[in-house]
Amino acid sequence: MTDALAQLTGQGYAVIRNAVSVAACERALAGIDAFKRVHRAAIRDNANEHGQLYRVVNMHLAIDALADVFAENSALATCDRFFGEPATLYTSLYYERGSEQALHRDTPYFCTRPADRYLGMWLALDDVDADNGPLRVVPRSHLLPAIDVAALARELFPDPGSTPPISDLGWNAYQAAVQRQCDERGMRAQEIH
């Protein structure tokens, strides 16, 4: 785990292979399939023509076997060491098809108090390669200077009373600012298999 912690702090991500047993992944997938069979009406509007789900929030709260892949995960030790105290699960997103999101940084939505007290953990229940939606990361981008979100908001919304709590315009401006920082430094995304 020391190597994973060094990779996490140095590169901004760590690959911890086999952090969850194959049996636990298979139980989670079986639990998800059972949930989908029982709750067809509930998932219908969030599934594609093949029945694949897109972006389900906190599904681990409904499926114990899915919660187990978080609780019985050897990567948690690296998270605990990173924070210097036990990490906790805040929320989860489950996808059966790729998110199709552009490269982005989640910080505007996943802020904490005190600041910077979160990690995103991407967990694949199947093997991942270039053909089935690998995670893309920009190594060392976590070391970039913080974006001045308040200044960005003042630029976009000159009247402080008109600043919305959530804004696509603000999100896009923030992501563009991060991308400019990466471009200026020659930082490029890479796929994680």
N, C-alpha and C. Protein backbone atom coordinates (compact mmCIF):
# COMPACT_ATOMS: atom_id res chain seq x y z
N MET A 1 0.80 -1.20 0.00
CA MET A 1 0.00 0.00 0.00
C MET A 1 0.85 1.27 0.00
N THR A 2 2.07 1.17 0.47
CA THR A 2 2.94 2.35 0.46
C THR A 2 3.15 2.85 -0.96
N ASP A 3 3.33 1.92 -1.90
CA ASP A 3 3.49 2.33 -3.30
C ASP A 3 2.24 3.04 -3.81
N ALA A 4 1.06 2.55 -3.43
CA ALA A 4 -0.19 3.17 -3.86
C ALA A 4 -0.31 4.57 -3.27
N LEU A 5 0.07 4.75 -2.01
CA LEU A 5 0.02 6.07 -1.39
C LEU A 5 0.99 7.01 -2.09
N ALA A 6 2.18 6.54 -2.42
CA ALA A 6 3.16 7.37 -3.13
C ALA A 6 2.63 7.74 -4.51
N GLN A 7 2.00 6.80 -5.20
CA GLN A 7 1.43 7.10 -6.52
C GLN A 7 0.29 8.10 -6.38
N LEU A 8 -0.56 7.94 -5.37
CA LEU A 8 -1.68 8.83 -5.17
C LEU A 8 -1.21 10.26 -4.90
N THR A 9 -0.26 10.42 -4.00
CA THR A 9 0.21 11.77 -3.68
C THR A 9 1.05 12.37 -4.79
N GLY A 10 1.80 11.56 -5.51
CA GLY A 10 2.67 12.07 -6.57
C GLY A 10 1.97 12.29 -7.90
N GLN A 11 1.12 11.34 -8.29
CA GLN A 11 0.47 11.39 -9.60
C GLN A 11 -0.97 11.89 -9.54
N GLY A 12 -1.57 11.83 -8.35
CA GLY A 12 -2.95 12.26 -8.21
C GLY A 12 -3.94 11.12 -8.38
N TYR A 13 -3.44 9.94 -8.63
CA TYR A 13 -4.28 8.75 -8.72
C TYR A 13 -3.41 7.54 -8.40
N ALA A 14 -4.05 6.46 -8.04
CA ALA A 14 -3.34 5.21 -7.80
C ALA A 14 -4.18 4.07 -8.36
N VAL A 15 -3.52 3.12 -8.96
CA VAL A 15 -4.21 1.92 -9.45
C VAL A 15 -3.94 0.82 -8.43
N ILE A 16 -4.99 0.32 -7.85
CA ILE A 16 -4.88 -0.75 -6.87
C ILE A 16 -5.65 -1.94 -7.43
N ARG A 17 -4.93 -2.79 -8.10
CA ARG A 17 -5.56 -3.92 -8.78
C ARG A 17 -6.05 -4.96 -7.77
N ASN A 18 -7.17 -5.56 -8.11
CA ASN A 18 -7.76 -6.61 -7.28
C ASN A 18 -8.07 -6.14 -5.86
N ALA A 19 -8.43 -4.88 -5.71
CA ALA A 19 -8.77 -4.34 -4.39
C ALA A 19 -10.05 -4.99 -3.85
N VAL A 20 -10.86 -5.50 -4.75
CA VAL A 20 -12.08 -6.20 -4.39
C VAL A 20 -12.02 -7.57 -5.04
N SER A 21 -12.43 -8.58 -4.32
CA SER A 21 -12.37 -9.94 -4.86
C SER A 21 -13.32 -10.10 -6.05
N VAL A 22 -12.98 -11.03 -6.91
CA VAL A 22 -13.85 -11.36 -8.04
C VAL A 22 -15.21 -11.81 -7.52
N ALA A 23 -15.21 -12.59 -6.45
CA ALA A 23 -16.48 -13.08 -5.88
C ALA A 23 -17.35 -11.91 -5.42
N ALA A 24 -16.75 -10.90 -4.79
CA ALA A 24 -17.52 -9.73 -4.35
C ALA A 24 -18.08 -8.97 -5.54
N CYS A 25 -17.30 -8.84 -6.61
CA CYS A 25 -17.79 -8.18 -7.83
C CYS A 25 -18.95 -8.97 -8.43
N GLU A 26 -18.83 -10.28 -8.48
CA GLU A 26 -19.90 -11.10 -9.03
C GLU A 26 -21.17 -11.01 -8.19
N ARG A 27 -21.03 -10.97 -6.86
CA ARG A 27 -22.21 -10.80 -5.99
C ARG A 27 -22.86 -9.44 -6.24
N ALA A 28 -22.05 -8.41 -6.39
CA ALA A 28 -22.59 -7.07 -6.66
C ALA A 28 -23.34 -7.05 -7.99
N LEU A 29 -22.75 -7.62 -9.02
CA LEU A 29 -23.41 -7.65 -10.33
C LEU A 29 -24.71 -8.46 -10.27
N ALA A 30 -24.71 -9.57 -9.54
CA ALA A 30 -25.93 -10.37 -9.39
C ALA A 30 -26.99 -9.58 -8.62
N GLY A 31 -26.57 -8.85 -7.60
CA GLY A 31 -27.50 -8.02 -6.83
C GLY A 31 -28.11 -6.92 -7.68
N ILE A 32 -27.29 -6.33 -8.55
CA ILE A 32 -27.79 -5.28 -9.44
C ILE A 32 -28.79 -5.87 -10.44
N ASP A 33 -28.47 -7.04 -11.02
CA ASP A 33 -29.39 -7.68 -11.95
C ASP A 33 -30.72 -8.01 -11.27
N ALA A 34 -30.66 -8.51 -10.04
CA ALA A 34 -31.89 -8.83 -9.31
C ALA A 34 -32.70 -7.57 -9.04
N PHE A 35 -32.03 -6.49 -8.64
CA PHE A 35 -32.71 -5.22 -8.40
C PHE A 35 -33.41 -4.74 -9.66
N LYS A 36 -32.74 -4.85 -10.80
CA LYS A 36 -33.32 -4.40 -12.06
C LYS A 36 -34.55 -5.23 -12.45
N ARG A 37 -34.51 -6.54 -12.17
CA ARG A 37 -35.66 -7.40 -12.49
C ARG A 37 -36.87 -7.03 -11.62
N VAL A 38 -36.62 -6.78 -10.35
CA VAL A 38 -37.71 -6.49 -9.41
C VAL A 38 -38.27 -5.09 -9.61
N HIS A 39 -37.43 -4.15 -10.00
CA HIS A 39 -37.83 -2.74 -10.08
C HIS A 39 -37.80 -2.21 -11.51
N ARG A 40 -38.33 -2.97 -12.43
CA ARG A 40 -38.31 -2.59 -13.85
C ARG A 40 -38.87 -1.19 -14.08
N ALA A 41 -39.98 -0.87 -13.48
CA ALA A 41 -40.61 0.45 -13.70
C ALA A 41 -39.72 1.57 -13.19
N ALA A 42 -39.04 1.34 -12.08
CA ALA A 42 -38.20 2.39 -11.49
C ALA A 42 -36.97 2.69 -12.34
N ILE A 43 -36.45 1.69 -13.03
CA ILE A 43 -35.22 1.91 -13.80
C ILE A 43 -35.47 2.19 -15.27
N ARG A 44 -36.68 1.99 -15.73
CA ARG A 44 -36.99 2.11 -17.16
C ARG A 44 -36.53 3.44 -17.76
N ASP A 45 -36.78 4.54 -17.10
CA ASP A 45 -36.44 5.85 -17.65
C ASP A 45 -34.95 6.17 -17.58
N ASN A 46 -34.19 5.32 -16.90
CA ASN A 46 -32.75 5.56 -16.77
C ASN A 46 -31.94 4.44 -17.42
N ALA A 47 -32.54 3.75 -18.35
CA ALA A 47 -31.84 2.65 -19.03
C ALA A 47 -31.91 2.86 -20.53
N ASN A 48 -30.88 2.39 -21.21
CA ASN A 48 -30.89 2.48 -22.67
C ASN A 48 -31.68 1.31 -23.26
N GLU A 49 -31.68 1.20 -24.58
CA GLU A 49 -32.46 0.16 -25.24
C GLU A 49 -31.99 -1.25 -24.90
N HIS A 50 -30.79 -1.38 -24.33
CA HIS A 50 -30.26 -2.69 -23.93
C HIS A 50 -30.46 -2.94 -22.44
N GLY A 51 -31.14 -2.01 -21.77
CA GLY A 51 -31.39 -2.15 -20.34
C GLY A 51 -30.23 -1.74 -19.46
N GLN A 52 -29.23 -1.07 -20.02
CA GLN A 52 -28.06 -0.63 -19.26
C GLN A 52 -28.37 0.70 -18.57
N LEU A 53 -28.02 0.75 -17.30
CA LEU A 53 -28.28 1.94 -16.49
C LEU A 53 -27.23 3.01 -16.71
N TYR A 54 -27.65 4.26 -16.54
CA TYR A 54 -26.76 5.39 -16.65
C TYR A 54 -26.88 6.23 -15.38
N ARG A 55 -25.78 6.43 -14.71
CA ARG A 55 -25.67 7.34 -13.57
C ARG A 55 -26.76 7.16 -12.52
N VAL A 56 -26.60 6.13 -11.71
CA VAL A 56 -27.51 5.90 -10.59
C VAL A 56 -26.77 6.35 -9.32
N VAL A 57 -27.38 7.26 -8.59
CA VAL A 57 -26.77 7.83 -7.39
C VAL A 57 -27.12 6.96 -6.19
N ASN A 58 -26.09 6.60 -5.43
CA ASN A 58 -26.22 5.88 -4.15
C ASN A 58 -26.94 4.54 -4.26
N MET A 59 -26.71 3.82 -5.33
CA MET A 59 -27.31 2.50 -5.49
C MET A 59 -26.83 1.54 -4.39
N HIS A 60 -25.68 1.83 -3.81
CA HIS A 60 -25.15 0.98 -2.74
C HIS A 60 -26.09 0.97 -1.52
N LEU A 61 -26.96 1.97 -1.40
CA LEU A 61 -27.90 2.00 -0.28
C LEU A 61 -29.04 0.99 -0.47
N ALA A 62 -29.29 0.57 -1.71
CA ALA A 62 -30.37 -0.36 -2.01
C ALA A 62 -29.89 -1.79 -2.20
N ILE A 63 -28.60 -1.97 -2.46
CA ILE A 63 -28.07 -3.30 -2.78
C ILE A 63 -26.88 -3.59 -1.86
N ASP A 64 -27.09 -4.46 -0.89
CA ASP A 64 -26.05 -4.76 0.09
C ASP A 64 -24.75 -5.25 -0.56
N ALA A 65 -24.88 -6.10 -1.58
CA ALA A 65 -23.68 -6.64 -2.23
C ALA A 65 -22.87 -5.55 -2.91
N LEU A 66 -23.53 -4.50 -3.36
CA LEU A 66 -22.81 -3.37 -3.95
C LEU A 66 -22.12 -2.56 -2.85
N ALA A 67 -22.80 -2.39 -1.73
CA ALA A 67 -22.17 -1.70 -0.59
C ALA A 67 -20.93 -2.46 -0.13
N ASP A 68 -20.97 -3.78 -0.22
CA ASP A 68 -19.83 -4.60 0.23
C ASP A 68 -18.57 -4.34 -0.58
N VAL A 69 -18.71 -4.00 -1.88
CA VAL A 69 -17.49 -3.75 -2.66
C VAL A 69 -16.77 -2.50 -2.19
N PHE A 70 -17.49 -1.60 -1.53
CA PHE A 70 -16.85 -0.44 -0.91
C PHE A 70 -16.28 -0.81 0.45
N ALA A 71 -17.04 -1.54 1.24
CA ALA A 71 -16.63 -1.87 2.60
C ALA A 71 -15.50 -2.90 2.64
N GLU A 72 -15.50 -3.84 1.70
CA GLU A 72 -14.50 -4.91 1.66
C GLU A 72 -13.46 -4.63 0.58
N ASN A 73 -12.92 -3.44 0.60
CA ASN A 73 -12.06 -2.96 -0.47
C ASN A 73 -10.68 -2.63 0.11
N SER A 74 -9.66 -3.32 -0.36
CA SER A 74 -8.32 -3.10 0.20
C SER A 74 -7.78 -1.70 -0.11
N ALA A 75 -8.37 -1.00 -1.06
CA ALA A 75 -7.93 0.36 -1.37
C ALA A 75 -8.26 1.33 -0.24
N LEU A 76 -9.19 0.96 0.63
CA LEU A 76 -9.55 1.85 1.73
C LEU A 76 -8.36 2.16 2.62
N ALA A 77 -7.46 1.21 2.77
CA ALA A 77 -6.27 1.45 3.61
C ALA A 77 -5.44 2.60 3.04
N THR A 78 -5.35 2.72 1.73
CA THR A 78 -4.62 3.83 1.11
C THR A 78 -5.36 5.14 1.37
N CYS A 79 -6.68 5.12 1.26
CA CYS A 79 -7.47 6.33 1.56
C CYS A 79 -7.26 6.75 3.01
N ASP A 80 -7.31 5.81 3.93
CA ASP A 80 -7.11 6.11 5.35
C ASP A 80 -5.73 6.72 5.58
N ARG A 81 -4.72 6.16 4.95
CA ARG A 81 -3.36 6.68 5.12
C ARG A 81 -3.24 8.07 4.49
N PHE A 82 -3.89 8.30 3.38
CA PHE A 82 -3.85 9.60 2.73
C PHE A 82 -4.41 10.68 3.66
N PHE A 83 -5.55 10.38 4.31
CA PHE A 83 -6.18 11.36 5.19
C PHE A 83 -5.60 11.36 6.60
N GLY A 84 -4.92 10.29 6.97
CA GLY A 84 -4.41 10.18 8.33
C GLY A 84 -5.50 9.83 9.33
N GLU A 85 -6.62 9.37 8.83
CA GLU A 85 -7.75 8.93 9.67
C GLU A 85 -8.68 8.11 8.78
N PRO A 86 -9.61 7.38 9.40
CA PRO A 86 -10.50 6.54 8.58
C PRO A 86 -11.32 7.36 7.58
N ALA A 87 -11.36 6.88 6.37
CA ALA A 87 -12.18 7.50 5.32
C ALA A 87 -13.60 6.94 5.42
N THR A 88 -14.56 7.70 4.95
CA THR A 88 -15.95 7.24 4.91
C THR A 88 -16.51 7.43 3.52
N LEU A 89 -17.50 6.63 3.20
CA LEU A 89 -18.17 6.73 1.91
C LEU A 89 -19.22 7.84 2.00
N TYR A 90 -19.11 8.81 1.13
CA TYR A 90 -20.06 9.92 1.10
C TYR A 90 -21.21 9.63 0.14
N THR A 91 -20.86 9.25 -1.06
CA THR A 91 -21.87 8.98 -2.07
C THR A 91 -21.28 8.04 -3.11
N SER A 92 -22.13 7.48 -3.95
CA SER A 92 -21.64 6.62 -5.02
C SER A 92 -22.43 6.89 -6.29
N LEU A 93 -21.79 6.65 -7.40
CA LEU A 93 -22.43 6.70 -8.71
C LEU A 93 -22.20 5.34 -9.37
N TYR A 94 -23.22 4.80 -9.98
CA TYR A 94 -23.11 3.51 -10.65
C TYR A 94 -23.48 3.69 -12.11
N TYR A 95 -22.66 3.14 -12.99
CA TYR A 95 -22.89 3.21 -14.44
C TYR A 95 -22.76 1.81 -15.03
N GLU A 96 -23.63 1.49 -15.96
CA GLU A 96 -23.47 0.28 -16.76
C GLU A 96 -23.05 0.62 -18.18
N ARG A 97 -23.06 1.87 -18.49
CA ARG A 97 -22.55 2.37 -19.76
C ARG A 97 -21.74 3.61 -19.42
N GLY A 98 -20.80 3.96 -20.24
CA GLY A 98 -19.92 5.08 -19.94
C GLY A 98 -20.68 6.37 -19.68
N SER A 99 -20.11 7.21 -18.86
CA SER A 99 -20.76 8.48 -18.54
C SER A 99 -20.76 9.43 -19.73
N GLU A 100 -19.83 9.21 -20.64
CA GLU A 100 -19.70 10.05 -21.84
C GLU A 100 -19.43 11.51 -21.48
N GLN A 101 -18.93 11.73 -20.26
CA GLN A 101 -18.57 13.09 -19.86
C GLN A 101 -17.20 13.44 -20.42
N ALA A 102 -17.05 14.70 -20.74
CA ALA A 102 -15.73 15.18 -21.13
C ALA A 102 -14.81 15.13 -19.91
N LEU A 103 -13.53 15.18 -20.16
CA LEU A 103 -12.57 15.24 -19.07
C LEU A 103 -12.94 16.42 -18.18
N HIS A 104 -12.98 16.21 -16.87
CA HIS A 104 -13.41 17.27 -15.96
C HIS A 104 -12.85 17.04 -14.56
N ARG A 105 -12.95 18.06 -13.75
CA ARG A 105 -12.59 17.99 -12.34
C ARG A 105 -13.88 18.21 -11.55
N ASP A 106 -14.14 17.34 -10.59
CA ASP A 106 -15.39 17.38 -9.82
C ASP A 106 -15.40 18.38 -8.67
N THR A 107 -14.30 19.03 -8.40
CA THR A 107 -14.18 19.87 -7.22
C THR A 107 -15.36 20.83 -7.00
N PRO A 108 -15.89 21.51 -8.01
CA PRO A 108 -16.99 22.43 -7.71
C PRO A 108 -18.20 21.76 -7.05
N TYR A 109 -18.42 20.49 -7.32
CA TYR A 109 -19.57 19.79 -6.75
C TYR A 109 -19.23 19.00 -5.50
N PHE A 110 -18.01 18.57 -5.35
CA PHE A 110 -17.64 17.74 -4.22
C PHE A 110 -16.71 18.48 -3.27
N CYS A 111 -17.13 19.67 -2.88
CA CYS A 111 -16.31 20.42 -1.95
C CYS A 111 -16.58 19.95 -0.52
N THR A 112 -15.61 20.11 0.33
CA THR A 112 -15.73 19.69 1.73
C THR A 112 -15.28 20.82 2.64
N ARG A 113 -15.67 20.72 3.90
CA ARG A 113 -15.20 21.64 4.92
C ARG A 113 -14.69 20.78 6.06
N PRO A 114 -13.40 20.78 6.37
CA PRO A 114 -12.39 21.62 5.73
C PRO A 114 -12.17 21.21 4.26
N ALA A 115 -11.56 22.14 3.54
CA ALA A 115 -11.37 21.96 2.09
C ALA A 115 -10.47 20.77 1.76
N ASP A 116 -10.68 20.23 0.58
CA ASP A 116 -9.82 19.19 0.00
C ASP A 116 -9.76 17.92 0.83
N ARG A 117 -10.88 17.52 1.40
CA ARG A 117 -10.93 16.30 2.21
C ARG A 117 -11.78 15.24 1.52
N TYR A 118 -11.57 15.06 0.22
CA TYR A 118 -12.27 13.99 -0.46
C TYR A 118 -11.37 13.37 -1.52
N LEU A 119 -11.67 12.14 -1.82
CA LEU A 119 -11.04 11.41 -2.92
C LEU A 119 -12.15 10.78 -3.74
N GLY A 120 -11.98 10.73 -5.02
CA GLY A 120 -12.88 9.97 -5.86
C GLY A 120 -12.27 8.59 -6.05
N MET A 121 -13.07 7.56 -5.87
CA MET A 121 -12.60 6.19 -6.09
C MET A 121 -13.39 5.61 -7.24
N TRP A 122 -12.71 5.21 -8.27
CA TRP A 122 -13.34 4.60 -9.43
C TRP A 122 -13.12 3.10 -9.31
N LEU A 123 -14.18 2.34 -9.28
CA LEU A 123 -14.11 0.90 -9.07
C LEU A 123 -14.78 0.20 -10.23
N ALA A 124 -14.04 -0.63 -10.93
CA ALA A 124 -14.59 -1.37 -12.06
C ALA A 124 -15.00 -2.77 -11.59
N LEU A 125 -16.23 -3.15 -11.89
CA LEU A 125 -16.70 -4.49 -11.55
C LEU A 125 -16.38 -5.49 -12.65
N ASP A 126 -15.91 -5.00 -13.78
CA ASP A 126 -15.47 -5.83 -14.91
C ASP A 126 -14.06 -5.40 -15.30
N ASP A 127 -13.37 -6.24 -16.05
CA ASP A 127 -12.06 -5.85 -16.57
C ASP A 127 -12.24 -4.65 -17.49
N VAL A 128 -11.26 -3.76 -17.50
CA VAL A 128 -11.36 -2.52 -18.28
C VAL A 128 -10.24 -2.47 -19.31
N ASP A 129 -10.61 -2.12 -20.54
CA ASP A 129 -9.62 -1.91 -21.59
C ASP A 129 -10.05 -0.70 -22.42
N ALA A 130 -9.39 -0.46 -23.52
CA ALA A 130 -9.68 0.73 -24.33
C ALA A 130 -11.08 0.71 -24.94
N ASP A 131 -11.69 -0.47 -25.03
CA ASP A 131 -12.98 -0.60 -25.72
C ASP A 131 -14.21 -0.53 -24.82
N ASN A 132 -14.03 -0.45 -23.50
CA ASN A 132 -15.23 -0.48 -22.66
C ASN A 132 -15.25 0.60 -21.58
N GLY A 133 -14.80 1.78 -21.93
CA GLY A 133 -14.98 2.92 -21.04
C GLY A 133 -13.96 3.08 -19.94
N PRO A 134 -12.68 3.10 -20.26
CA PRO A 134 -11.68 3.27 -19.20
C PRO A 134 -11.73 4.66 -18.58
N LEU A 135 -11.28 4.74 -17.36
CA LEU A 135 -11.12 6.02 -16.69
C LEU A 135 -10.00 6.79 -17.39
N ARG A 136 -10.18 8.10 -17.51
CA ARG A 136 -9.12 8.95 -18.07
C ARG A 136 -8.69 9.91 -16.98
N VAL A 137 -7.39 10.06 -16.82
CA VAL A 137 -6.83 10.95 -15.80
C VAL A 137 -5.75 11.83 -16.42
N VAL A 138 -5.50 12.96 -15.78
CA VAL A 138 -4.37 13.81 -16.16
C VAL A 138 -3.40 13.76 -14.98
N PRO A 139 -2.34 12.95 -15.11
CA PRO A 139 -1.40 12.81 -14.00
C PRO A 139 -0.88 14.17 -13.53
N ARG A 140 -0.79 14.30 -12.23
CA ARG A 140 -0.25 15.46 -11.53
C ARG A 140 -1.12 16.71 -11.63
N SER A 141 -2.31 16.60 -12.22
CA SER A 141 -3.18 17.77 -12.33
C SER A 141 -3.70 18.21 -10.96
N HIS A 142 -3.63 17.33 -9.97
CA HIS A 142 -4.05 17.72 -8.62
C HIS A 142 -3.10 18.75 -8.02
N LEU A 143 -1.93 18.91 -8.62
CA LEU A 143 -0.93 19.86 -8.12
C LEU A 143 -1.06 21.24 -8.77
N LEU A 144 -1.99 21.39 -9.70
CA LEU A 144 -2.18 22.69 -10.35
C LEU A 144 -2.70 23.71 -9.33
N PRO A 145 -2.43 25.00 -9.57
CA PRO A 145 -2.96 26.03 -8.66
C PRO A 145 -4.49 25.99 -8.64
N ALA A 146 -5.04 26.30 -7.48
CA ALA A 146 -6.50 26.32 -7.34
C ALA A 146 -7.09 27.40 -8.25
N ILE A 147 -8.23 27.09 -8.82
CA ILE A 147 -8.97 28.06 -9.62
C ILE A 147 -9.69 29.01 -8.65
N ASP A 148 -9.61 30.31 -8.90
CA ASP A 148 -10.30 31.28 -8.07
C ASP A 148 -11.77 31.29 -8.47
N VAL A 149 -12.55 30.45 -7.80
CA VAL A 149 -13.96 30.28 -8.14
C VAL A 149 -14.75 31.57 -7.89
N ALA A 150 -14.41 32.29 -6.83
CA ALA A 150 -15.12 33.54 -6.52
C ALA A 150 -14.90 34.56 -7.64
N ALA A 151 -13.66 34.68 -8.12
CA ALA A 151 -13.37 35.62 -9.22
C ALA A 151 -14.09 35.18 -10.49
N LEU A 152 -14.11 33.89 -10.74
CA LEU A 152 -14.81 33.35 -11.90
C LEU A 152 -16.31 33.69 -11.82
N ALA A 153 -16.90 33.52 -10.64
CA ALA A 153 -18.32 33.84 -10.46
C ALA A 153 -18.58 35.32 -10.66
N ARG A 154 -17.68 36.18 -10.16
CA ARG A 154 -17.88 37.63 -10.34
C ARG A 154 -17.82 38.00 -11.82
N GLU A 155 -16.97 37.33 -12.56
CA GLU A 155 -16.85 37.60 -13.99
C GLU A 155 -18.11 37.17 -14.74
N LEU A 156 -18.64 36.02 -14.38
CA LEU A 156 -19.82 35.48 -15.06
C LEU A 156 -21.12 36.14 -14.60
N PHE A 157 -21.17 36.50 -13.33
CA PHE A 157 -22.38 37.04 -12.73
C PHE A 157 -22.03 38.33 -11.98
N PRO A 158 -21.92 39.45 -12.70
CA PRO A 158 -21.49 40.71 -12.07
C PRO A 158 -22.37 41.15 -10.89
N ASP A 159 -23.65 40.81 -10.94
CA ASP A 159 -24.54 41.13 -9.82
C ASP A 159 -24.47 39.96 -8.83
N PRO A 160 -23.87 40.17 -7.63
CA PRO A 160 -23.71 39.06 -6.68
C PRO A 160 -25.03 38.36 -6.34
N GLY A 161 -26.12 39.08 -6.39
CA GLY A 161 -27.41 38.49 -6.08
C GLY A 161 -27.92 37.55 -7.17
N SER A 162 -27.29 37.59 -8.34
CA SER A 162 -27.75 36.74 -9.45
C SER A 162 -26.93 35.46 -9.60
N THR A 163 -25.97 35.25 -8.70
CA THR A 163 -25.12 34.06 -8.79
C THR A 163 -25.91 32.83 -8.35
N PRO A 164 -26.17 31.90 -9.27
CA PRO A 164 -26.93 30.71 -8.89
C PRO A 164 -26.05 29.72 -8.12
N PRO A 165 -26.65 28.89 -7.29
CA PRO A 165 -25.85 27.91 -6.54
C PRO A 165 -25.23 26.86 -7.46
N ILE A 166 -25.91 26.54 -8.55
CA ILE A 166 -25.40 25.58 -9.55
C ILE A 166 -25.61 26.21 -10.91
N SER A 167 -24.57 26.15 -11.76
CA SER A 167 -24.65 26.81 -13.05
C SER A 167 -23.86 26.05 -14.09
N ASP A 168 -24.50 25.69 -15.19
CA ASP A 168 -23.77 25.08 -16.31
C ASP A 168 -22.71 26.04 -16.84
N LEU A 169 -23.05 27.32 -16.91
CA LEU A 169 -22.10 28.33 -17.37
C LEU A 169 -20.87 28.35 -16.46
N GLY A 170 -21.09 28.34 -15.16
CA GLY A 170 -19.98 28.32 -14.20
C GLY A 170 -19.17 27.05 -14.28
N TRP A 171 -19.86 25.91 -14.39
CA TRP A 171 -19.18 24.62 -14.52
C TRP A 171 -18.27 24.62 -15.75
N ASN A 172 -18.80 25.04 -16.88
CA ASN A 172 -18.03 25.04 -18.12
C ASN A 172 -16.84 26.01 -18.03
N ALA A 173 -17.04 27.16 -17.42
CA ALA A 173 -15.94 28.13 -17.27
C ALA A 173 -14.84 27.55 -16.37
N TYR A 174 -15.24 26.89 -15.30
CA TYR A 174 -14.27 26.27 -14.38
C TYR A 174 -13.46 25.19 -15.12
N GLN A 175 -14.16 24.32 -15.84
CA GLN A 175 -13.47 23.24 -16.56
C GLN A 175 -12.53 23.80 -17.63
N ALA A 176 -12.94 24.88 -18.29
CA ALA A 176 -12.08 25.52 -19.30
C ALA A 176 -10.82 26.09 -18.63
N ALA A 177 -10.97 26.65 -17.44
CA ALA A 177 -9.81 27.21 -16.73
C ALA A 177 -8.84 26.10 -16.35
N VAL A 178 -9.36 24.96 -15.90
CA VAL A 178 -8.49 23.82 -15.58
C VAL A 178 -7.79 23.32 -16.84
N GLN A 179 -8.54 23.22 -17.94
CA GLN A 179 -7.96 22.74 -19.19
C GLN A 179 -6.85 23.68 -19.67
N ARG A 180 -7.05 24.99 -19.52
CA ARG A 180 -6.00 25.94 -19.90
C ARG A 180 -4.73 25.70 -19.08
N GLN A 181 -4.90 25.47 -17.80
CA GLN A 181 -3.74 25.19 -16.95
C GLN A 181 -2.99 23.95 -17.45
N CYS A 182 -3.74 22.91 -17.78
CA CYS A 182 -3.12 21.68 -18.28
C CYS A 182 -2.41 21.94 -19.61
N ASP A 183 -3.07 22.63 -20.51
CA ASP A 183 -2.50 22.92 -21.83
C ASP A 183 -1.22 23.74 -21.70
N GLU A 184 -1.22 24.74 -20.82
CA GLU A 184 -0.03 25.59 -20.63
C GLU A 184 1.17 24.79 -20.15
N ARG A 185 0.92 23.68 -19.46
CA ARG A 185 1.99 22.86 -18.89
C ARG A 185 2.24 21.59 -19.70
N GLY A 186 1.52 21.44 -20.81
CA GLY A 186 1.70 20.24 -21.64
C GLY A 186 1.20 18.97 -20.98
N MET A 187 0.25 19.08 -20.08
CA MET A 187 -0.29 17.92 -19.37
C MET A 187 -1.40 17.29 -20.21
N ARG A 188 -1.32 15.98 -20.40
CA ARG A 188 -2.27 15.26 -21.24
C ARG A 188 -2.93 14.12 -20.48
N ALA A 189 -4.15 13.80 -20.88
CA ALA A 189 -4.89 12.71 -20.28
C ALA A 189 -4.33 11.37 -20.73
N GLN A 190 -4.48 10.39 -19.87
CA GLN A 190 -4.14 9.01 -20.24
C GLN A 190 -5.23 8.09 -19.73
N GLU A 191 -5.42 6.96 -20.43
CA GLU A 191 -6.41 5.99 -20.04
C GLU A 191 -5.83 5.06 -18.98
N ILE A 192 -6.70 4.66 -18.05
CA ILE A 192 -6.31 3.69 -17.03
C ILE A 192 -7.07 2.40 -17.32
N HIS A 193 -6.34 1.33 -17.55
CA HIS A 193 -6.96 0.01 -17.81
C HIS A 193 -6.79 -0.85 -16.57
